[in-house]
Amino acid sequence: MNYSKKNLNKSAQALFLKDEIWLLTFGGSFQRNTVYKKEVSEKDRNKFRGELRSFLETEILPIYLNDVNDKVQYNSLTKIIQYSNKHKLILENDSLSIGTAQKLLNLVLKYYWCLGWLPEPPHFPVDSRIQKCIPAKSRKSWTAINSLEEYQSIIDCAKEQLKEGESLAKWELANFKKG
């Protein structure tokens, strides 16, 4: 569970921050989105979120200890979707959408990066607020992103907005409040 190059320990403070980050991450990824089938109990929802968090912490986040590129990012999103397929009995459309998976992954990466626990992520959380900073013709509701191609199109459009030497993650931080 230790992702930090600074050797983040399992102190009560670090564990508290991780729990809070995951609350924010799940809230931002699932709150305005139809993730679960209607009849799914809160107990089953909590169990899924716990298992998904564990999967991300053990299988996905360690990949980001080093700088990663777009190909690794798309592969991580595919792995999250494939993992969610195991929970099709409780998930709307039998799995998480690419839009939900990217929001989940990119939010936790952004939080961990801002706290210095991980290096700068390759992308940013695609949502309606930041998409106001890209041309309208390229926008799509993040909850309606259903393919890697649609997601990649938004990322490519955002790359066109970058200044010389600027990264997507830093561009998003600078523009998020403006959106």
N, C-alpha and C. Protein backbone atom coordinates (compact mmCIF):
# COMPACT_ATOMS: atom_id res chain seq x y z
N MET A 1 0.81 -1.21 0.00
CA MET A 1 0.00 0.00 0.00
C MET A 1 0.85 1.26 0.00
N ASN A 2 2.14 1.13 0.01
CA ASN A 2 3.00 2.29 0.06
C ASN A 2 3.43 2.70 -1.33
N TYR A 3 2.98 3.86 -1.81
CA TYR A 3 3.27 4.29 -3.17
C TYR A 3 4.30 5.39 -3.23
N SER A 4 4.66 5.95 -2.10
CA SER A 4 5.45 7.16 -2.10
C SER A 4 6.93 6.92 -2.34
N LYS A 5 7.49 7.77 -3.16
CA LYS A 5 8.94 7.79 -3.30
C LYS A 5 9.55 8.34 -2.01
N LYS A 6 8.77 9.05 -1.24
CA LYS A 6 9.23 9.62 0.02
C LYS A 6 8.98 8.67 1.19
N ASN A 7 8.67 7.42 0.88
CA ASN A 7 8.48 6.38 1.88
C ASN A 7 7.35 6.72 2.86
N LEU A 8 6.20 7.05 2.30
CA LEU A 8 5.01 7.33 3.12
C LEU A 8 4.73 6.11 4.00
N ASN A 9 4.66 6.33 5.29
CA ASN A 9 4.42 5.19 6.18
C ASN A 9 2.94 4.99 6.42
N LYS A 10 2.62 3.99 7.20
CA LYS A 10 1.23 3.66 7.47
C LYS A 10 0.75 4.34 8.75
N SER A 11 1.17 5.55 8.96
CA SER A 11 0.76 6.29 10.14
C SER A 11 -0.74 6.54 10.11
N ALA A 12 -1.27 6.87 11.27
CA ALA A 12 -2.70 7.18 11.36
C ALA A 12 -3.06 8.34 10.44
N GLN A 13 -2.17 9.33 10.33
CA GLN A 13 -2.44 10.47 9.46
C GLN A 13 -2.51 10.04 7.99
N ALA A 14 -1.55 9.20 7.57
CA ALA A 14 -1.53 8.77 6.18
C ALA A 14 -2.75 7.91 5.86
N LEU A 15 -3.12 7.03 6.76
CA LEU A 15 -4.29 6.19 6.54
C LEU A 15 -5.56 7.03 6.48
N PHE A 16 -5.65 8.03 7.35
CA PHE A 16 -6.79 8.94 7.34
C PHE A 16 -6.88 9.66 5.99
N LEU A 17 -5.75 10.20 5.52
CA LEU A 17 -5.75 10.90 4.24
C LEU A 17 -6.15 9.98 3.08
N LYS A 18 -5.65 8.76 3.09
CA LYS A 18 -6.02 7.82 2.03
C LYS A 18 -7.52 7.55 2.05
N ASP A 19 -8.08 7.33 3.23
CA ASP A 19 -9.52 7.09 3.32
C ASP A 19 -10.31 8.29 2.81
N GLU A 20 -9.88 9.49 3.15
CA GLU A 20 -10.57 10.70 2.70
C GLU A 20 -10.45 10.86 1.19
N ILE A 21 -9.28 10.57 0.66
CA ILE A 21 -9.08 10.66 -0.79
C ILE A 21 -10.00 9.69 -1.51
N TRP A 22 -10.12 8.48 -0.97
CA TRP A 22 -11.00 7.50 -1.62
C TRP A 22 -12.46 7.92 -1.51
N LEU A 23 -12.87 8.54 -0.41
CA LEU A 23 -14.23 9.06 -0.33
C LEU A 23 -14.48 10.11 -1.42
N LEU A 24 -13.53 11.02 -1.57
CA LEU A 24 -13.66 12.04 -2.62
C LEU A 24 -13.63 11.43 -4.02
N THR A 25 -12.76 10.45 -4.20
CA THR A 25 -12.63 9.81 -5.51
C THR A 25 -13.91 9.08 -5.90
N PHE A 26 -14.44 8.27 -4.99
CA PHE A 26 -15.68 7.56 -5.30
C PHE A 26 -16.85 8.54 -5.44
N GLY A 27 -16.88 9.56 -4.60
CA GLY A 27 -17.93 10.56 -4.72
C GLY A 27 -17.90 11.24 -6.07
N GLY A 28 -16.71 11.66 -6.50
CA GLY A 28 -16.58 12.33 -7.78
C GLY A 28 -16.83 11.44 -8.98
N SER A 29 -16.58 10.16 -8.82
CA SER A 29 -16.71 9.21 -9.93
C SER A 29 -18.08 8.57 -10.03
N PHE A 30 -18.74 8.41 -8.89
CA PHE A 30 -19.99 7.65 -8.87
C PHE A 30 -21.23 8.50 -8.60
N GLN A 31 -21.04 9.67 -7.99
CA GLN A 31 -22.16 10.46 -7.47
C GLN A 31 -23.18 10.88 -8.53
N ARG A 32 -22.74 11.43 -9.64
CA ARG A 32 -23.66 11.93 -10.67
C ARG A 32 -23.72 10.99 -11.85
N ASN A 33 -23.69 9.74 -11.54
CA ASN A 33 -23.49 8.73 -12.56
C ASN A 33 -24.29 7.49 -12.16
N THR A 34 -24.92 6.85 -13.08
CA THR A 34 -25.63 5.62 -12.79
C THR A 34 -24.65 4.47 -12.87
N VAL A 35 -24.14 4.04 -11.74
CA VAL A 35 -23.12 2.99 -11.67
C VAL A 35 -23.76 1.65 -11.33
N TYR A 36 -24.69 1.67 -10.38
CA TYR A 36 -25.27 0.42 -9.89
C TYR A 36 -26.67 0.18 -10.45
N LYS A 37 -27.03 -1.08 -10.51
CA LYS A 37 -28.40 -1.42 -10.84
C LYS A 37 -29.29 -0.95 -9.69
N LYS A 38 -30.54 -0.67 -9.96
CA LYS A 38 -31.45 -0.06 -8.98
C LYS A 38 -31.61 -0.84 -7.69
N GLU A 39 -31.65 -2.16 -7.77
CA GLU A 39 -31.96 -2.98 -6.59
C GLU A 39 -30.74 -3.29 -5.71
N VAL A 40 -29.57 -2.77 -6.05
CA VAL A 40 -28.35 -3.10 -5.32
C VAL A 40 -28.34 -2.42 -3.95
N SER A 41 -28.07 -3.20 -2.92
CA SER A 41 -28.07 -2.68 -1.54
C SER A 41 -26.82 -1.85 -1.27
N GLU A 42 -26.91 -1.02 -0.26
CA GLU A 42 -25.77 -0.21 0.15
C GLU A 42 -24.62 -1.10 0.61
N LYS A 43 -24.95 -2.21 1.25
CA LYS A 43 -23.92 -3.16 1.68
C LYS A 43 -23.13 -3.68 0.48
N ASP A 44 -23.81 -4.05 -0.60
CA ASP A 44 -23.14 -4.54 -1.81
C ASP A 44 -22.35 -3.43 -2.50
N ARG A 45 -22.87 -2.22 -2.47
CA ARG A 45 -22.14 -1.08 -3.03
C ARG A 45 -20.85 -0.85 -2.27
N ASN A 46 -20.93 -0.85 -0.96
CA ASN A 46 -19.74 -0.65 -0.13
C ASN A 46 -18.71 -1.76 -0.36
N LYS A 47 -19.19 -2.98 -0.47
CA LYS A 47 -18.29 -4.11 -0.71
C LYS A 47 -17.57 -3.93 -2.05
N PHE A 48 -18.30 -3.56 -3.08
CA PHE A 48 -17.70 -3.34 -4.39
C PHE A 48 -16.65 -2.22 -4.33
N ARG A 49 -17.00 -1.10 -3.70
CA ARG A 49 -16.05 0.01 -3.62
C ARG A 49 -14.78 -0.41 -2.87
N GLY A 50 -14.94 -1.20 -1.81
CA GLY A 50 -13.78 -1.68 -1.07
C GLY A 50 -12.90 -2.59 -1.91
N GLU A 51 -13.53 -3.48 -2.65
CA GLU A 51 -12.77 -4.39 -3.51
C GLU A 51 -12.12 -3.64 -4.67
N LEU A 52 -12.82 -2.67 -5.24
CA LEU A 52 -12.27 -1.88 -6.33
C LEU A 52 -11.08 -1.06 -5.83
N ARG A 53 -11.22 -0.46 -4.66
CA ARG A 53 -10.10 0.29 -4.08
C ARG A 53 -8.89 -0.61 -3.90
N SER A 54 -9.11 -1.79 -3.35
CA SER A 54 -8.02 -2.73 -3.13
C SER A 54 -7.35 -3.10 -4.46
N PHE A 55 -8.15 -3.36 -5.48
CA PHE A 55 -7.60 -3.67 -6.80
C PHE A 55 -6.74 -2.52 -7.32
N LEU A 56 -7.24 -1.31 -7.22
CA LEU A 56 -6.47 -0.15 -7.69
C LEU A 56 -5.18 0.02 -6.88
N GLU A 57 -5.27 -0.16 -5.57
CA GLU A 57 -4.09 0.02 -4.73
C GLU A 57 -3.01 -1.04 -4.96
N THR A 58 -3.42 -2.25 -5.29
CA THR A 58 -2.43 -3.32 -5.46
C THR A 58 -2.01 -3.54 -6.90
N GLU A 59 -2.92 -3.35 -7.85
CA GLU A 59 -2.63 -3.69 -9.24
C GLU A 59 -2.38 -2.49 -10.16
N ILE A 60 -2.94 -1.35 -9.84
CA ILE A 60 -2.87 -0.21 -10.76
C ILE A 60 -1.93 0.89 -10.26
N LEU A 61 -2.14 1.37 -9.04
CA LEU A 61 -1.34 2.50 -8.56
C LEU A 61 0.16 2.24 -8.53
N PRO A 62 0.62 1.04 -8.20
CA PRO A 62 2.07 0.82 -8.22
C PRO A 62 2.71 1.07 -9.60
N ILE A 63 1.96 0.90 -10.65
CA ILE A 63 2.46 1.18 -12.01
C ILE A 63 2.87 2.64 -12.12
N TYR A 64 2.19 3.50 -11.39
CA TYR A 64 2.39 4.94 -11.50
C TYR A 64 3.51 5.47 -10.59
N LEU A 65 4.25 4.59 -9.97
CA LEU A 65 5.43 5.01 -9.21
C LEU A 65 6.48 5.61 -10.13
N ASN A 66 6.43 5.22 -11.38
CA ASN A 66 7.32 5.76 -12.41
C ASN A 66 6.47 6.56 -13.38
N ASP A 67 7.15 7.39 -14.16
CA ASP A 67 6.43 8.14 -15.18
C ASP A 67 5.82 7.15 -16.17
N VAL A 68 4.60 7.42 -16.58
CA VAL A 68 3.92 6.54 -17.54
C VAL A 68 3.46 7.36 -18.73
N ASN A 69 3.17 6.68 -19.82
CA ASN A 69 2.73 7.35 -21.04
C ASN A 69 1.26 7.04 -21.31
N ASP A 70 0.77 7.54 -22.43
CA ASP A 70 -0.64 7.34 -22.79
C ASP A 70 -0.98 5.85 -22.91
N LYS A 71 -0.09 5.07 -23.49
CA LYS A 71 -0.36 3.65 -23.69
C LYS A 71 -0.58 2.95 -22.35
N VAL A 72 0.23 3.26 -21.37
CA VAL A 72 0.07 2.67 -20.04
C VAL A 72 -1.25 3.13 -19.42
N GLN A 73 -1.59 4.39 -19.60
CA GLN A 73 -2.85 4.92 -19.08
C GLN A 73 -4.05 4.19 -19.68
N TYR A 74 -4.05 4.02 -20.99
CA TYR A 74 -5.16 3.32 -21.65
C TYR A 74 -5.22 1.86 -21.20
N ASN A 75 -4.07 1.25 -21.02
CA ASN A 75 -4.02 -0.13 -20.54
C ASN A 75 -4.59 -0.23 -19.11
N SER A 76 -4.27 0.74 -18.27
CA SER A 76 -4.81 0.76 -16.90
C SER A 76 -6.33 0.88 -16.91
N LEU A 77 -6.84 1.73 -17.77
CA LEU A 77 -8.29 1.89 -17.87
C LEU A 77 -8.95 0.59 -18.32
N THR A 78 -8.32 -0.07 -19.27
CA THR A 78 -8.84 -1.35 -19.74
C THR A 78 -8.85 -2.39 -18.61
N LYS A 79 -7.80 -2.41 -17.81
CA LYS A 79 -7.74 -3.34 -16.67
C LYS A 79 -8.85 -3.06 -15.65
N ILE A 80 -9.13 -1.79 -15.42
CA ILE A 80 -10.20 -1.43 -14.47
C ILE A 80 -11.55 -1.90 -15.01
N ILE A 81 -11.79 -1.69 -16.29
CA ILE A 81 -13.04 -2.16 -16.90
C ILE A 81 -13.14 -3.68 -16.80
N GLN A 82 -12.06 -4.36 -17.12
CA GLN A 82 -12.06 -5.83 -17.06
C GLN A 82 -12.31 -6.31 -15.62
N TYR A 83 -11.71 -5.64 -14.65
CA TYR A 83 -11.95 -6.00 -13.25
C TYR A 83 -13.43 -5.79 -12.90
N SER A 84 -13.99 -4.69 -13.35
CA SER A 84 -15.39 -4.40 -13.01
C SER A 84 -16.34 -5.42 -13.62
N ASN A 85 -15.96 -6.05 -14.72
CA ASN A 85 -16.80 -7.07 -15.35
C ASN A 85 -17.11 -8.22 -14.40
N LYS A 86 -16.26 -8.44 -13.42
CA LYS A 86 -16.49 -9.50 -12.43
C LYS A 86 -17.67 -9.18 -11.52
N HIS A 87 -18.12 -7.94 -11.57
CA HIS A 87 -19.20 -7.47 -10.68
C HIS A 87 -20.45 -7.10 -11.48
N LYS A 88 -20.65 -7.75 -12.60
CA LYS A 88 -21.74 -7.36 -13.49
C LYS A 88 -23.12 -7.53 -12.87
N LEU A 89 -23.24 -8.35 -11.86
CA LEU A 89 -24.55 -8.54 -11.23
C LEU A 89 -25.03 -7.27 -10.52
N ILE A 90 -24.12 -6.40 -10.13
CA ILE A 90 -24.52 -5.19 -9.41
C ILE A 90 -24.34 -3.91 -10.22
N LEU A 91 -23.60 -3.98 -11.34
CA LEU A 91 -23.27 -2.78 -12.10
C LEU A 91 -24.22 -2.55 -13.27
N GLU A 92 -24.64 -1.33 -13.43
CA GLU A 92 -25.43 -0.92 -14.58
C GLU A 92 -24.62 -1.22 -15.84
N ASN A 93 -25.22 -1.76 -16.84
CA ASN A 93 -24.54 -2.14 -18.08
C ASN A 93 -23.43 -3.16 -17.85
N ASP A 94 -23.48 -3.85 -16.72
CA ASP A 94 -22.60 -4.97 -16.39
C ASP A 94 -21.14 -4.63 -16.10
N SER A 95 -20.73 -3.38 -16.23
CA SER A 95 -19.36 -2.97 -15.89
C SER A 95 -19.31 -1.46 -15.78
N LEU A 96 -18.18 -0.96 -15.33
CA LEU A 96 -17.97 0.48 -15.33
C LEU A 96 -17.75 0.94 -16.76
N SER A 97 -18.16 2.14 -17.05
CA SER A 97 -17.91 2.72 -18.37
C SER A 97 -16.48 3.29 -18.40
N ILE A 98 -15.99 3.55 -19.58
CA ILE A 98 -14.68 4.21 -19.70
C ILE A 98 -14.72 5.56 -19.00
N GLY A 99 -15.82 6.28 -19.13
CA GLY A 99 -15.95 7.58 -18.48
C GLY A 99 -15.81 7.48 -16.97
N THR A 100 -16.45 6.48 -16.39
CA THR A 100 -16.36 6.30 -14.94
C THR A 100 -14.97 5.82 -14.54
N ALA A 101 -14.41 4.89 -15.30
CA ALA A 101 -13.07 4.36 -14.99
C ALA A 101 -12.02 5.46 -15.08
N GLN A 102 -12.10 6.31 -16.10
CA GLN A 102 -11.10 7.38 -16.21
C GLN A 102 -11.24 8.37 -15.08
N LYS A 103 -12.48 8.68 -14.71
CA LYS A 103 -12.68 9.65 -13.63
C LYS A 103 -12.12 9.08 -12.32
N LEU A 104 -12.40 7.82 -12.05
CA LEU A 104 -11.90 7.15 -10.86
C LEU A 104 -10.37 7.15 -10.82
N LEU A 105 -9.75 6.65 -11.87
CA LEU A 105 -8.29 6.57 -11.91
C LEU A 105 -7.65 7.95 -11.89
N ASN A 106 -8.13 8.84 -12.73
CA ASN A 106 -7.50 10.15 -12.83
C ASN A 106 -7.68 10.99 -11.57
N LEU A 107 -8.79 10.84 -10.88
CA LEU A 107 -8.96 11.58 -9.62
C LEU A 107 -7.98 11.10 -8.56
N VAL A 108 -7.88 9.79 -8.37
CA VAL A 108 -6.96 9.31 -7.34
C VAL A 108 -5.52 9.65 -7.70
N LEU A 109 -5.17 9.55 -8.98
CA LEU A 109 -3.82 9.93 -9.39
C LEU A 109 -3.55 11.41 -9.13
N LYS A 110 -4.53 12.26 -9.40
CA LYS A 110 -4.37 13.70 -9.16
C LYS A 110 -4.17 13.99 -7.67
N TYR A 111 -5.00 13.38 -6.83
CA TYR A 111 -4.85 13.59 -5.38
C TYR A 111 -3.49 13.12 -4.88
N TYR A 112 -3.10 11.93 -5.28
CA TYR A 112 -1.81 11.38 -4.83
C TYR A 112 -0.64 12.21 -5.34
N TRP A 113 -0.74 12.69 -6.57
CA TRP A 113 0.30 13.56 -7.13
C TRP A 113 0.37 14.88 -6.36
N CYS A 114 -0.77 15.49 -6.12
CA CYS A 114 -0.78 16.78 -5.40
C CYS A 114 -0.22 16.65 -3.98
N LEU A 115 -0.35 15.47 -3.38
CA LEU A 115 0.21 15.22 -2.05
C LEU A 115 1.67 14.77 -2.11
N GLY A 116 2.20 14.58 -3.30
CA GLY A 116 3.59 14.15 -3.45
C GLY A 116 3.79 12.65 -3.26
N TRP A 117 2.72 11.89 -3.33
CA TRP A 117 2.80 10.44 -3.13
C TRP A 117 3.12 9.70 -4.42
N LEU A 118 2.83 10.30 -5.55
CA LEU A 118 3.10 9.71 -6.85
C LEU A 118 3.63 10.79 -7.79
N PRO A 119 4.36 10.39 -8.83
CA PRO A 119 4.78 11.36 -9.84
C PRO A 119 3.57 11.92 -10.59
N GLU A 120 3.82 12.93 -11.37
CA GLU A 120 2.77 13.57 -12.15
C GLU A 120 2.07 12.57 -13.07
N PRO A 121 0.75 12.56 -13.04
CA PRO A 121 0.01 11.62 -13.90
C PRO A 121 0.02 12.08 -15.36
N PRO A 122 -0.22 11.15 -16.28
CA PRO A 122 -0.20 11.51 -17.70
C PRO A 122 -1.44 12.27 -18.16
N HIS A 123 -2.57 12.06 -17.49
CA HIS A 123 -3.83 12.70 -17.88
C HIS A 123 -4.43 13.44 -16.70
N PHE A 124 -5.69 13.78 -16.81
CA PHE A 124 -6.42 14.51 -15.78
C PHE A 124 -7.84 13.96 -15.73
N PRO A 125 -8.57 14.24 -14.65
CA PRO A 125 -9.97 13.79 -14.60
C PRO A 125 -10.81 14.56 -15.62
N VAL A 126 -11.30 13.85 -16.61
CA VAL A 126 -12.14 14.47 -17.63
C VAL A 126 -13.54 14.61 -17.06
N ASP A 127 -13.98 15.86 -16.94
CA ASP A 127 -15.35 16.13 -16.50
C ASP A 127 -15.84 17.38 -17.22
N SER A 128 -17.08 17.75 -16.99
CA SER A 128 -17.66 18.88 -17.72
C SER A 128 -16.97 20.19 -17.39
N ARG A 129 -16.48 20.31 -16.19
CA ARG A 129 -15.87 21.57 -15.77
C ARG A 129 -14.59 21.86 -16.56
N ILE A 130 -13.70 20.90 -16.68
CA ILE A 130 -12.45 21.14 -17.41
C ILE A 130 -12.69 21.15 -18.91
N GLN A 131 -13.72 20.45 -19.37
CA GLN A 131 -13.98 20.44 -20.81
C GLN A 131 -14.45 21.79 -21.33
N LYS A 132 -14.84 22.68 -20.43
CA LYS A 132 -15.20 24.04 -20.86
C LYS A 132 -13.97 24.76 -21.41
N CYS A 133 -12.79 24.21 -21.17
CA CYS A 133 -11.54 24.82 -21.62
C CYS A 133 -11.07 24.26 -22.96
N ILE A 134 -11.87 23.39 -23.56
CA ILE A 134 -11.55 22.86 -24.89
C ILE A 134 -12.69 23.24 -25.83
N PRO A 135 -12.46 23.22 -27.15
CA PRO A 135 -13.51 23.60 -28.09
C PRO A 135 -14.78 22.76 -27.91
N ALA A 136 -15.92 23.41 -28.02
CA ALA A 136 -17.21 22.77 -27.78
C ALA A 136 -17.43 21.53 -28.65
N LYS A 137 -16.94 21.53 -29.87
CA LYS A 137 -17.15 20.40 -30.77
C LYS A 137 -16.47 19.12 -30.27
N SER A 138 -15.50 19.27 -29.38
CA SER A 138 -14.76 18.11 -28.87
C SER A 138 -15.27 17.61 -27.53
N ARG A 139 -16.24 18.30 -26.96
CA ARG A 139 -16.73 17.94 -25.63
C ARG A 139 -17.72 16.78 -25.68
N LYS A 140 -17.71 16.02 -24.61
CA LYS A 140 -18.68 14.94 -24.43
C LYS A 140 -18.85 14.74 -22.93
N SER A 141 -20.06 14.55 -22.49
CA SER A 141 -20.29 14.30 -21.07
C SER A 141 -19.44 13.11 -20.62
N TRP A 142 -18.71 13.28 -19.53
CA TRP A 142 -17.82 12.20 -19.08
C TRP A 142 -18.60 10.95 -18.73
N THR A 143 -19.85 11.10 -18.30
CA THR A 143 -20.65 9.92 -17.96
C THR A 143 -21.11 9.17 -19.21
N ALA A 144 -20.96 9.80 -20.39
CA ALA A 144 -21.37 9.17 -21.65
C ALA A 144 -20.17 8.68 -22.47
N ILE A 145 -18.97 8.78 -21.92
CA ILE A 145 -17.79 8.28 -22.63
C ILE A 145 -17.79 6.77 -22.52
N ASN A 146 -17.98 6.10 -23.65
CA ASN A 146 -18.12 4.65 -23.65
C ASN A 146 -17.03 3.91 -24.41
N SER A 147 -16.03 4.64 -24.88
CA SER A 147 -14.94 3.97 -25.58
C SER A 147 -13.62 4.70 -25.32
N LEU A 148 -12.54 3.96 -25.46
CA LEU A 148 -11.22 4.57 -25.32
C LEU A 148 -11.00 5.62 -26.39
N GLU A 149 -11.58 5.43 -27.56
CA GLU A 149 -11.44 6.38 -28.65
C GLU A 149 -12.07 7.73 -28.30
N GLU A 150 -13.25 7.69 -27.68
CA GLU A 150 -13.91 8.94 -27.26
C GLU A 150 -13.08 9.65 -26.20
N TYR A 151 -12.58 8.89 -25.25
CA TYR A 151 -11.72 9.46 -24.19
C TYR A 151 -10.46 10.03 -24.81
N GLN A 152 -9.81 9.28 -25.67
CA GLN A 152 -8.57 9.71 -26.30
C GLN A 152 -8.79 10.98 -27.12
N SER A 153 -9.93 11.11 -27.75
CA SER A 153 -10.24 12.29 -28.54
C SER A 153 -10.26 13.54 -27.65
N ILE A 154 -10.83 13.43 -26.47
CA ILE A 154 -10.86 14.56 -25.53
C ILE A 154 -9.45 14.88 -25.05
N ILE A 155 -8.68 13.85 -24.72
CA ILE A 155 -7.29 14.05 -24.28
C ILE A 155 -6.48 14.72 -25.39
N ASP A 156 -6.63 14.24 -26.62
CA ASP A 156 -5.91 14.83 -27.75
C ASP A 156 -6.29 16.30 -27.95
N CYS A 157 -7.55 16.61 -27.79
CA CYS A 157 -7.99 18.00 -27.91
C CYS A 157 -7.39 18.87 -26.81
N ALA A 158 -7.33 18.34 -25.61
CA ALA A 158 -6.72 19.08 -24.50
C ALA A 158 -5.23 19.30 -24.77
N LYS A 159 -4.56 18.32 -25.36
CA LYS A 159 -3.14 18.47 -25.69
C LYS A 159 -2.91 19.65 -26.64
N GLU A 160 -3.88 19.90 -27.50
CA GLU A 160 -3.77 21.03 -28.43
C GLU A 160 -3.83 22.37 -27.71
N GLN A 161 -4.33 22.38 -26.47
CA GLN A 161 -4.45 23.62 -25.70
C GLN A 161 -3.18 23.93 -24.90
N LEU A 162 -2.26 22.99 -24.83
CA LEU A 162 -1.06 23.13 -24.00
C LEU A 162 -0.10 24.18 -24.56
N LYS A 163 0.54 24.86 -23.64
CA LYS A 163 1.63 25.75 -24.01
C LYS A 163 2.90 24.90 -24.15
N GLU A 164 3.91 25.45 -24.76
CA GLU A 164 5.18 24.75 -24.94
C GLU A 164 5.70 24.21 -23.60
N GLY A 165 5.93 22.90 -23.54
CA GLY A 165 6.49 22.28 -22.34
C GLY A 165 5.50 22.03 -21.22
N GLU A 166 4.25 22.39 -21.39
CA GLU A 166 3.22 22.21 -20.36
C GLU A 166 2.66 20.78 -20.43
N SER A 167 2.40 20.20 -19.28
CA SER A 167 1.81 18.86 -19.22
C SER A 167 0.30 18.97 -19.07
N LEU A 168 -0.39 17.87 -19.38
CA LEU A 168 -1.84 17.84 -19.21
C LEU A 168 -2.25 18.05 -17.76
N ALA A 169 -1.55 17.39 -16.84
CA ALA A 169 -1.91 17.49 -15.42
C ALA A 169 -1.77 18.93 -14.92
N LYS A 170 -0.69 19.59 -15.31
CA LYS A 170 -0.49 20.98 -14.88
C LYS A 170 -1.47 21.93 -15.57
N TRP A 171 -1.76 21.66 -16.84
CA TRP A 171 -2.76 22.45 -17.56
C TRP A 171 -4.11 22.36 -16.85
N GLU A 172 -4.49 21.13 -16.47
CA GLU A 172 -5.78 20.95 -15.80
C GLU A 172 -5.83 21.67 -14.47
N LEU A 173 -4.75 21.61 -13.69
CA LEU A 173 -4.74 22.32 -12.40
C LEU A 173 -4.90 23.82 -12.61
N ALA A 174 -4.23 24.35 -13.62
CA ALA A 174 -4.30 25.80 -13.88
C ALA A 174 -5.67 26.21 -14.39
N ASN A 175 -6.36 25.34 -15.09
CA ASN A 175 -7.62 25.70 -15.73
C ASN A 175 -8.87 25.20 -15.04
N PHE A 176 -8.74 24.31 -14.07
CA PHE A 176 -9.91 23.71 -13.44
C PHE A 176 -10.84 24.75 -12.84
N LYS A 177 -10.30 25.68 -12.12
CA LYS A 177 -11.14 26.70 -11.47
C LYS A 177 -11.79 27.66 -12.48
N LYS A 178 -11.15 27.80 -13.64
CA LYS A 178 -11.68 28.68 -14.68
C LYS A 178 -12.86 28.08 -15.41
N GLY A 179 -12.95 26.73 -15.39
CA GLY A 179 -13.96 26.01 -16.16
C GLY A 179 -15.37 26.28 -15.71
